[in-house]
Amino acid sequence: MNAMNGYANSAEAPDFDAPTIMRRTRRRRTVGIAAVATGLILAGGGTALATSAGGSHASQPSSTVTKNDATTMLWDDHGVTITIDFSGRDLVLAKQVLLKTQTKLGTVTKKAVKNCKPGSVVGVSPHTPKIVKSGDTVDLTLCSG
């Protein structure tokens, strides 16, 4: 029995550096998430950002309403310009996008426009080609019907 104990204690126990393993795992996870987010933003323009801020696409623009620069905002995200199209979004979804871009909601007006969904965004100011930065105020024009 004594020989068996000598054999069991002859091998060194593996040394685990748990704090280093945890830091490495967290670092890899953070870098991976950042890479995926950057790829989504670059591949989809502002669409990925707008989708994550807006959630559902229930308020898609009507097929008879044409998209134009009046509903497109260019947002400067730390030197990267992202195009965000507000066309057809309702006020709730538009506010979520403004919150995500850290811009402030300014004046909300209503305008009669043909072939648009009542309550949907038909204009944003400032709009393309002016670039908006975080902290700027954005005015919205909604379709009155």
N, C-alpha and C. Protein backbone atom coordinates (compact mmCIF):
# COMPACT_ATOMS: atom_id res chain seq x y z
N MET A 1 0.82 -1.18 0.00
CA MET A 1 0.00 0.00 0.00
C MET A 1 0.87 1.25 0.00
N ASN A 2 1.98 1.21 0.73
CA ASN A 2 2.89 2.34 0.81
C ASN A 2 3.48 2.66 -0.56
N ALA A 3 3.78 1.65 -1.37
CA ALA A 3 4.33 1.88 -2.70
C ALA A 3 3.33 2.60 -3.58
N MET A 4 2.07 2.31 -3.39
CA MET A 4 1.02 2.94 -4.18
C MET A 4 0.93 4.43 -3.86
N ASN A 5 1.06 4.82 -2.58
CA ASN A 5 1.03 6.22 -2.19
C ASN A 5 2.21 6.99 -2.77
N GLY A 6 3.34 6.37 -2.83
CA GLY A 6 4.51 7.00 -3.42
C GLY A 6 4.31 7.26 -4.90
N TYR A 7 3.65 6.34 -5.56
CA TYR A 7 3.38 6.51 -7.00
C TYR A 7 2.37 7.62 -7.22
N ALA A 8 1.32 7.69 -6.41
CA ALA A 8 0.27 8.69 -6.56
C ALA A 8 0.82 10.09 -6.34
N ASN A 9 1.77 10.25 -5.46
CA ASN A 9 2.31 11.57 -5.17
C ASN A 9 3.52 11.93 -6.03
N SER A 10 3.89 11.07 -6.96
CA SER A 10 5.09 11.34 -7.75
C SER A 10 4.84 12.31 -8.90
N ALA A 11 3.63 12.40 -9.39
CA ALA A 11 3.32 13.30 -10.50
C ALA A 11 2.99 14.68 -9.96
N GLU A 12 3.46 15.73 -10.68
CA GLU A 12 3.17 17.09 -10.26
C GLU A 12 1.74 17.45 -10.67
N ALA A 13 1.08 18.17 -9.81
CA ALA A 13 -0.28 18.63 -10.12
C ALA A 13 -0.17 19.76 -11.15
N PRO A 14 -1.08 19.80 -12.11
CA PRO A 14 -1.04 20.89 -13.10
C PRO A 14 -1.30 22.23 -12.42
N ASP A 15 -0.65 23.26 -12.93
CA ASP A 15 -0.77 24.60 -12.37
C ASP A 15 -1.69 25.43 -13.27
N PHE A 16 -2.83 25.89 -12.72
CA PHE A 16 -3.77 26.71 -13.46
C PHE A 16 -3.71 28.12 -12.93
N ASP A 17 -3.57 29.07 -13.83
CA ASP A 17 -3.58 30.47 -13.45
C ASP A 17 -4.96 31.03 -13.81
N ALA A 18 -5.93 30.80 -12.93
CA ALA A 18 -7.32 31.15 -13.21
C ALA A 18 -7.53 32.63 -13.55
N PRO A 19 -6.93 33.59 -12.84
CA PRO A 19 -7.16 35.00 -13.20
C PRO A 19 -6.70 35.33 -14.63
N THR A 20 -5.58 34.77 -15.05
CA THR A 20 -5.09 35.03 -16.40
C THR A 20 -6.01 34.41 -17.43
N ILE A 21 -6.50 33.22 -17.17
CA ILE A 21 -7.42 32.55 -18.08
C ILE A 21 -8.71 33.37 -18.22
N MET A 22 -9.23 33.88 -17.12
CA MET A 22 -10.45 34.69 -17.15
C MET A 22 -10.24 35.98 -17.93
N ARG A 23 -9.11 36.68 -17.71
CA ARG A 23 -8.83 37.92 -18.44
C ARG A 23 -8.75 37.66 -19.93
N ARG A 24 -8.05 36.59 -20.31
CA ARG A 24 -7.89 36.24 -21.72
C ARG A 24 -9.24 35.93 -22.36
N THR A 25 -10.09 35.19 -21.64
CA THR A 25 -11.41 34.85 -22.15
C THR A 25 -12.27 36.09 -22.33
N ARG A 26 -12.27 36.98 -21.34
CA ARG A 26 -13.04 38.22 -21.45
C ARG A 26 -12.53 39.09 -22.58
N ARG A 27 -11.22 39.18 -22.74
CA ARG A 27 -10.63 39.99 -23.80
C ARG A 27 -11.05 39.45 -25.17
N ARG A 28 -10.97 38.13 -25.34
CA ARG A 28 -11.36 37.53 -26.63
C ARG A 28 -12.84 37.76 -26.91
N ARG A 29 -13.67 37.62 -25.89
CA ARG A 29 -15.11 37.84 -26.07
C ARG A 29 -15.38 39.29 -26.47
N THR A 30 -14.74 40.24 -25.80
CA THR A 30 -14.93 41.66 -26.10
C THR A 30 -14.48 41.98 -27.51
N VAL A 31 -13.33 41.48 -27.89
CA VAL A 31 -12.82 41.73 -29.25
C VAL A 31 -13.75 41.10 -30.28
N GLY A 32 -14.26 39.92 -30.00
CA GLY A 32 -15.17 39.25 -30.93
C GLY A 32 -16.46 40.02 -31.11
N ILE A 33 -17.04 40.49 -30.01
CA ILE A 33 -18.28 41.27 -30.09
C ILE A 33 -18.04 42.57 -30.84
N ALA A 34 -16.93 43.24 -30.56
CA ALA A 34 -16.61 44.49 -31.25
C ALA A 34 -16.42 44.25 -32.75
N ALA A 35 -15.78 43.15 -33.10
CA ALA A 35 -15.56 42.85 -34.52
C ALA A 35 -16.88 42.58 -35.24
N VAL A 36 -17.77 41.85 -34.61
CA VAL A 36 -19.08 41.56 -35.23
C VAL A 36 -19.88 42.85 -35.38
N ALA A 37 -19.90 43.68 -34.35
CA ALA A 37 -20.64 44.94 -34.41
C ALA A 37 -20.09 45.85 -35.50
N THR A 38 -18.78 45.95 -35.58
CA THR A 38 -18.16 46.78 -36.62
C THR A 38 -18.49 46.24 -38.00
N GLY A 39 -18.42 44.93 -38.16
CA GLY A 39 -18.74 44.33 -39.45
C GLY A 39 -20.18 44.59 -39.85
N LEU A 40 -21.10 44.49 -38.91
CA LEU A 40 -22.51 44.77 -39.21
C LEU A 40 -22.72 46.22 -39.61
N ILE A 41 -22.08 47.12 -38.91
CA ILE A 41 -22.25 48.54 -39.22
C ILE A 41 -21.66 48.85 -40.59
N LEU A 42 -20.47 48.33 -40.87
CA LEU A 42 -19.84 48.61 -42.16
C LEU A 42 -20.56 47.93 -43.31
N ALA A 43 -21.01 46.72 -43.11
CA ALA A 43 -21.67 45.98 -44.19
C ALA A 43 -23.05 46.54 -44.49
N GLY A 44 -23.75 46.96 -43.46
CA GLY A 44 -25.11 47.41 -43.66
C GLY A 44 -25.29 48.90 -43.56
N GLY A 45 -24.20 49.67 -43.60
CA GLY A 45 -24.33 51.11 -43.42
C GLY A 45 -24.94 51.37 -42.06
N GLY A 46 -25.96 52.16 -42.00
CA GLY A 46 -26.66 52.43 -40.75
C GLY A 46 -27.78 51.46 -40.49
N THR A 47 -28.02 50.56 -41.42
CA THR A 47 -29.15 49.65 -41.29
C THR A 47 -29.03 48.79 -40.05
N ALA A 48 -27.86 48.24 -39.78
CA ALA A 48 -27.69 47.40 -38.59
C ALA A 48 -27.93 48.22 -37.33
N LEU A 49 -27.45 49.44 -37.32
CA LEU A 49 -27.65 50.31 -36.17
C LEU A 49 -29.13 50.64 -36.01
N ALA A 50 -29.77 51.01 -37.09
CA ALA A 50 -31.17 51.37 -37.04
C ALA A 50 -32.04 50.18 -36.66
N THR A 51 -31.70 49.01 -37.13
CA THR A 51 -32.46 47.81 -36.81
C THR A 51 -32.31 47.48 -35.34
N SER A 52 -31.10 47.56 -34.81
CA SER A 52 -30.92 47.24 -33.40
C SER A 52 -31.59 48.28 -32.51
N ALA A 53 -31.65 49.51 -32.97
CA ALA A 53 -32.31 50.54 -32.20
C ALA A 53 -33.81 50.49 -32.37
N GLY A 54 -34.26 50.10 -33.57
CA GLY A 54 -35.67 50.14 -33.88
C GLY A 54 -36.41 48.87 -33.58
N GLY A 55 -35.75 47.76 -33.57
CA GLY A 55 -36.43 46.50 -33.30
C GLY A 55 -37.16 45.98 -34.52
N SER A 56 -38.47 46.00 -34.47
CA SER A 56 -39.30 45.43 -35.53
C SER A 56 -39.32 46.32 -36.76
N HIS A 57 -39.56 45.70 -37.91
CA HIS A 57 -39.71 46.44 -39.16
C HIS A 57 -41.17 46.61 -39.50
N ALA A 58 -42.04 46.68 -38.51
CA ALA A 58 -43.47 46.76 -38.75
C ALA A 58 -43.87 48.04 -39.47
N SER A 59 -43.05 49.08 -39.36
CA SER A 59 -43.41 50.34 -39.98
C SER A 59 -42.55 50.61 -41.21
N GLN A 60 -42.49 49.67 -42.10
CA GLN A 60 -41.75 49.86 -43.34
C GLN A 60 -42.47 50.88 -44.20
N PRO A 61 -41.72 51.62 -45.03
CA PRO A 61 -42.35 52.64 -45.85
C PRO A 61 -43.28 52.02 -46.89
N SER A 62 -44.28 52.78 -47.25
CA SER A 62 -45.20 52.34 -48.29
C SER A 62 -44.46 52.25 -49.61
N SER A 63 -44.90 51.35 -50.47
CA SER A 63 -44.21 51.15 -51.74
C SER A 63 -44.37 52.35 -52.67
N THR A 64 -45.36 53.22 -52.40
CA THR A 64 -45.55 54.38 -53.26
C THR A 64 -44.75 55.59 -52.80
N VAL A 65 -44.22 55.54 -51.60
CA VAL A 65 -43.39 56.63 -51.10
C VAL A 65 -41.96 56.37 -51.54
N THR A 66 -41.34 57.35 -52.14
CA THR A 66 -39.96 57.17 -52.60
C THR A 66 -39.00 57.68 -51.54
N LYS A 67 -37.93 56.93 -51.34
CA LYS A 67 -36.90 57.34 -50.39
C LYS A 67 -36.07 58.44 -51.03
N ASN A 68 -35.72 59.44 -50.24
CA ASN A 68 -34.85 60.50 -50.74
C ASN A 68 -33.99 61.04 -49.61
N ASP A 69 -33.20 62.01 -49.94
CA ASP A 69 -32.29 62.57 -48.95
C ASP A 69 -33.00 63.28 -47.81
N ALA A 70 -34.26 63.67 -47.97
CA ALA A 70 -34.99 64.39 -46.93
C ALA A 70 -35.24 63.51 -45.70
N THR A 71 -35.19 62.18 -45.85
CA THR A 71 -35.43 61.29 -44.72
C THR A 71 -34.16 60.57 -44.29
N THR A 72 -33.02 60.95 -44.86
CA THR A 72 -31.75 60.28 -44.56
C THR A 72 -30.86 61.20 -43.73
N MET A 73 -30.36 60.66 -42.63
CA MET A 73 -29.45 61.41 -41.76
C MET A 73 -28.07 60.76 -41.82
N LEU A 74 -27.05 61.57 -41.94
CA LEU A 74 -25.67 61.09 -41.88
C LEU A 74 -25.17 61.35 -40.47
N TRP A 75 -24.78 60.29 -39.77
CA TRP A 75 -24.34 60.41 -38.38
C TRP A 75 -22.86 60.10 -38.29
N ASP A 76 -22.12 60.99 -37.63
CA ASP A 76 -20.68 60.82 -37.44
C ASP A 76 -20.45 60.03 -36.16
N ASP A 77 -20.07 58.76 -36.32
CA ASP A 77 -19.78 57.89 -35.18
C ASP A 77 -18.27 57.80 -35.00
N HIS A 78 -17.70 58.76 -34.31
CA HIS A 78 -16.26 58.81 -34.04
C HIS A 78 -15.44 58.72 -35.32
N GLY A 79 -15.79 59.53 -36.32
CA GLY A 79 -15.02 59.57 -37.56
C GLY A 79 -15.55 58.68 -38.66
N VAL A 80 -16.51 57.82 -38.35
CA VAL A 80 -17.12 56.94 -39.35
C VAL A 80 -18.53 57.47 -39.63
N THR A 81 -18.82 57.83 -40.88
CA THR A 81 -20.13 58.35 -41.24
C THR A 81 -21.07 57.20 -41.54
N ILE A 82 -22.19 57.17 -40.83
CA ILE A 82 -23.19 56.12 -40.97
C ILE A 82 -24.48 56.73 -41.50
N THR A 83 -25.04 56.13 -42.55
CA THR A 83 -26.29 56.59 -43.14
C THR A 83 -27.46 55.92 -42.44
N ILE A 84 -28.40 56.74 -41.96
CA ILE A 84 -29.59 56.22 -41.29
C ILE A 84 -30.81 56.76 -42.02
N ASP A 85 -31.64 55.84 -42.53
CA ASP A 85 -32.85 56.22 -43.25
C ASP A 85 -34.05 56.12 -42.32
N PHE A 86 -34.72 57.25 -42.10
CA PHE A 86 -35.89 57.30 -41.22
C PHE A 86 -37.19 57.08 -41.99
N SER A 87 -37.13 56.95 -43.28
CA SER A 87 -38.30 56.85 -44.14
C SER A 87 -39.26 55.76 -43.67
N GLY A 88 -40.50 56.16 -43.38
CA GLY A 88 -41.53 55.20 -43.00
C GLY A 88 -41.54 54.79 -41.55
N ARG A 89 -40.54 55.16 -40.77
CA ARG A 89 -40.52 54.80 -39.34
C ARG A 89 -41.52 55.67 -38.59
N ASP A 90 -42.12 55.10 -37.55
CA ASP A 90 -43.01 55.92 -36.72
C ASP A 90 -42.17 56.68 -35.69
N LEU A 91 -42.83 57.53 -34.92
CA LEU A 91 -42.12 58.40 -33.98
C LEU A 91 -41.40 57.59 -32.90
N VAL A 92 -42.00 56.50 -32.43
CA VAL A 92 -41.38 55.68 -31.38
C VAL A 92 -40.05 55.10 -31.88
N LEU A 93 -40.05 54.53 -33.09
CA LEU A 93 -38.82 53.95 -33.64
C LEU A 93 -37.79 55.03 -33.94
N ALA A 94 -38.25 56.18 -34.42
CA ALA A 94 -37.33 57.28 -34.70
C ALA A 94 -36.65 57.76 -33.42
N LYS A 95 -37.42 57.85 -32.33
CA LYS A 95 -36.85 58.26 -31.03
C LYS A 95 -35.80 57.25 -30.55
N GLN A 96 -36.05 55.96 -30.79
CA GLN A 96 -35.09 54.94 -30.38
C GLN A 96 -33.78 55.09 -31.15
N VAL A 97 -33.87 55.42 -32.44
CA VAL A 97 -32.66 55.63 -33.24
C VAL A 97 -31.92 56.87 -32.73
N LEU A 98 -32.64 57.92 -32.43
CA LEU A 98 -32.00 59.14 -31.91
C LEU A 98 -31.33 58.86 -30.57
N LEU A 99 -31.96 58.07 -29.74
CA LEU A 99 -31.37 57.69 -28.45
C LEU A 99 -30.09 56.90 -28.68
N LYS A 100 -30.12 55.96 -29.62
CA LYS A 100 -28.95 55.12 -29.92
C LYS A 100 -27.79 55.97 -30.46
N THR A 101 -28.10 57.00 -31.24
CA THR A 101 -27.05 57.85 -31.81
C THR A 101 -26.69 59.01 -30.89
N GLN A 102 -27.33 59.08 -29.74
CA GLN A 102 -27.08 60.12 -28.75
C GLN A 102 -27.33 61.51 -29.32
N THR A 103 -28.36 61.62 -30.18
CA THR A 103 -28.79 62.91 -30.69
C THR A 103 -30.10 63.27 -29.98
N LYS A 104 -30.45 64.55 -30.02
CA LYS A 104 -31.62 65.03 -29.29
C LYS A 104 -32.78 65.27 -30.26
N LEU A 105 -33.97 64.95 -29.82
CA LEU A 105 -35.16 65.21 -30.61
C LEU A 105 -35.52 66.68 -30.49
N GLY A 106 -35.63 67.32 -31.62
CA GLY A 106 -36.01 68.74 -31.66
C GLY A 106 -37.50 68.87 -31.90
N THR A 107 -37.87 69.67 -32.87
CA THR A 107 -39.26 69.94 -33.20
C THR A 107 -39.86 68.78 -34.00
N VAL A 108 -41.07 68.38 -33.64
CA VAL A 108 -41.80 67.37 -34.41
C VAL A 108 -42.99 68.07 -35.05
N THR A 109 -43.02 68.09 -36.38
CA THR A 109 -44.11 68.73 -37.11
C THR A 109 -44.84 67.69 -37.94
N LYS A 110 -46.07 68.03 -38.36
CA LYS A 110 -46.84 67.15 -39.22
C LYS A 110 -47.07 67.85 -40.55
N LYS A 111 -47.06 67.04 -41.62
CA LYS A 111 -47.19 67.59 -42.96
C LYS A 111 -48.04 66.63 -43.79
N ALA A 112 -48.93 67.19 -44.59
CA ALA A 112 -49.77 66.36 -45.46
C ALA A 112 -48.95 65.97 -46.69
N VAL A 113 -48.75 64.66 -46.86
CA VAL A 113 -48.00 64.13 -48.00
C VAL A 113 -48.82 63.00 -48.59
N LYS A 114 -48.87 62.94 -49.92
CA LYS A 114 -49.62 61.87 -50.58
C LYS A 114 -48.91 60.54 -50.43
N ASN A 115 -49.71 59.48 -50.36
CA ASN A 115 -49.20 58.10 -50.36
C ASN A 115 -48.22 57.79 -49.23
N CYS A 116 -48.50 58.29 -48.06
CA CYS A 116 -47.63 57.93 -46.93
C CYS A 116 -48.49 57.41 -45.79
N LYS A 117 -47.88 56.65 -44.93
CA LYS A 117 -48.56 56.09 -43.77
C LYS A 117 -48.65 57.18 -42.70
N PRO A 118 -49.85 57.51 -42.22
CA PRO A 118 -49.97 58.54 -41.19
C PRO A 118 -49.09 58.23 -39.97
N GLY A 119 -48.38 59.25 -39.51
CA GLY A 119 -47.50 59.10 -38.36
C GLY A 119 -46.09 58.66 -38.71
N SER A 120 -45.84 58.37 -39.99
CA SER A 120 -44.49 57.94 -40.40
C SER A 120 -43.62 59.14 -40.72
N VAL A 121 -42.33 58.97 -40.60
CA VAL A 121 -41.37 60.05 -40.86
C VAL A 121 -41.29 60.30 -42.36
N VAL A 122 -41.50 61.58 -42.75
CA VAL A 122 -41.36 61.97 -44.16
C VAL A 122 -40.25 63.00 -44.34
N GLY A 123 -39.66 63.44 -43.23
CA GLY A 123 -38.56 64.39 -43.32
C GLY A 123 -37.76 64.44 -42.03
N VAL A 124 -36.47 64.68 -42.18
CA VAL A 124 -35.57 64.81 -41.04
C VAL A 124 -34.65 66.00 -41.32
N SER A 125 -34.39 66.80 -40.29
CA SER A 125 -33.53 67.97 -40.47
C SER A 125 -32.59 68.07 -39.28
N PRO A 126 -31.31 68.18 -39.49
CA PRO A 126 -30.61 68.25 -40.77
C PRO A 126 -30.58 66.89 -41.46
N HIS A 127 -30.58 66.92 -42.77
CA HIS A 127 -30.56 65.69 -43.56
C HIS A 127 -29.36 65.70 -44.49
N THR A 128 -29.20 64.61 -45.23
CA THR A 128 -28.10 64.47 -46.17
C THR A 128 -28.03 65.71 -47.04
N PRO A 129 -26.92 66.31 -47.27
CA PRO A 129 -25.54 65.86 -47.05
C PRO A 129 -24.91 66.36 -45.75
N LYS A 130 -25.68 67.07 -44.90
CA LYS A 130 -25.11 67.55 -43.63
C LYS A 130 -24.89 66.38 -42.68
N ILE A 131 -23.77 66.37 -41.97
CA ILE A 131 -23.42 65.30 -41.04
C ILE A 131 -23.80 65.72 -39.62
N VAL A 132 -24.47 64.83 -38.91
CA VAL A 132 -24.93 65.06 -37.55
C VAL A 132 -23.99 64.32 -36.60
N LYS A 133 -23.67 64.97 -35.47
CA LYS A 133 -22.82 64.34 -34.45
C LYS A 133 -23.63 64.12 -33.18
N SER A 134 -23.13 63.26 -32.31
CA SER A 134 -23.78 63.03 -31.02
C SER A 134 -23.94 64.36 -30.29
N GLY A 135 -25.11 64.57 -29.70
CA GLY A 135 -25.39 65.81 -29.00
C GLY A 135 -26.14 66.82 -29.84
N ASP A 136 -26.15 66.65 -31.18
CA ASP A 136 -26.88 67.56 -32.06
C ASP A 136 -28.38 67.32 -31.93
N THR A 137 -29.15 68.34 -32.31
CA THR A 137 -30.61 68.25 -32.28
C THR A 137 -31.13 67.93 -33.68
N VAL A 138 -32.09 67.00 -33.74
CA VAL A 138 -32.66 66.55 -35.02
C VAL A 138 -34.16 66.81 -35.00
N ASP A 139 -34.67 67.50 -36.02
CA ASP A 139 -36.10 67.76 -36.15
C ASP A 139 -36.72 66.71 -37.06
N LEU A 140 -37.95 66.30 -36.76
CA LEU A 140 -38.63 65.30 -37.57
C LEU A 140 -39.93 65.86 -38.12
N THR A 141 -40.27 65.45 -39.33
CA THR A 141 -41.55 65.78 -39.94
C THR A 141 -42.30 64.47 -40.16
N LEU A 142 -43.53 64.40 -39.63
CA LEU A 142 -44.35 63.20 -39.74
C LEU A 142 -45.48 63.43 -40.73
N CYS A 143 -45.92 62.35 -41.35
CA CYS A 143 -47.04 62.38 -42.28
C CYS A 143 -48.34 62.55 -41.50
N SER A 144 -49.14 63.55 -41.89
CA SER A 144 -50.41 63.76 -41.19
C SER A 144 -51.54 62.98 -41.85
N GLY A 145 -51.30 62.41 -43.00
CA GLY A 145 -52.32 61.57 -43.63
C GLY A 145 -52.71 62.00 -45.00
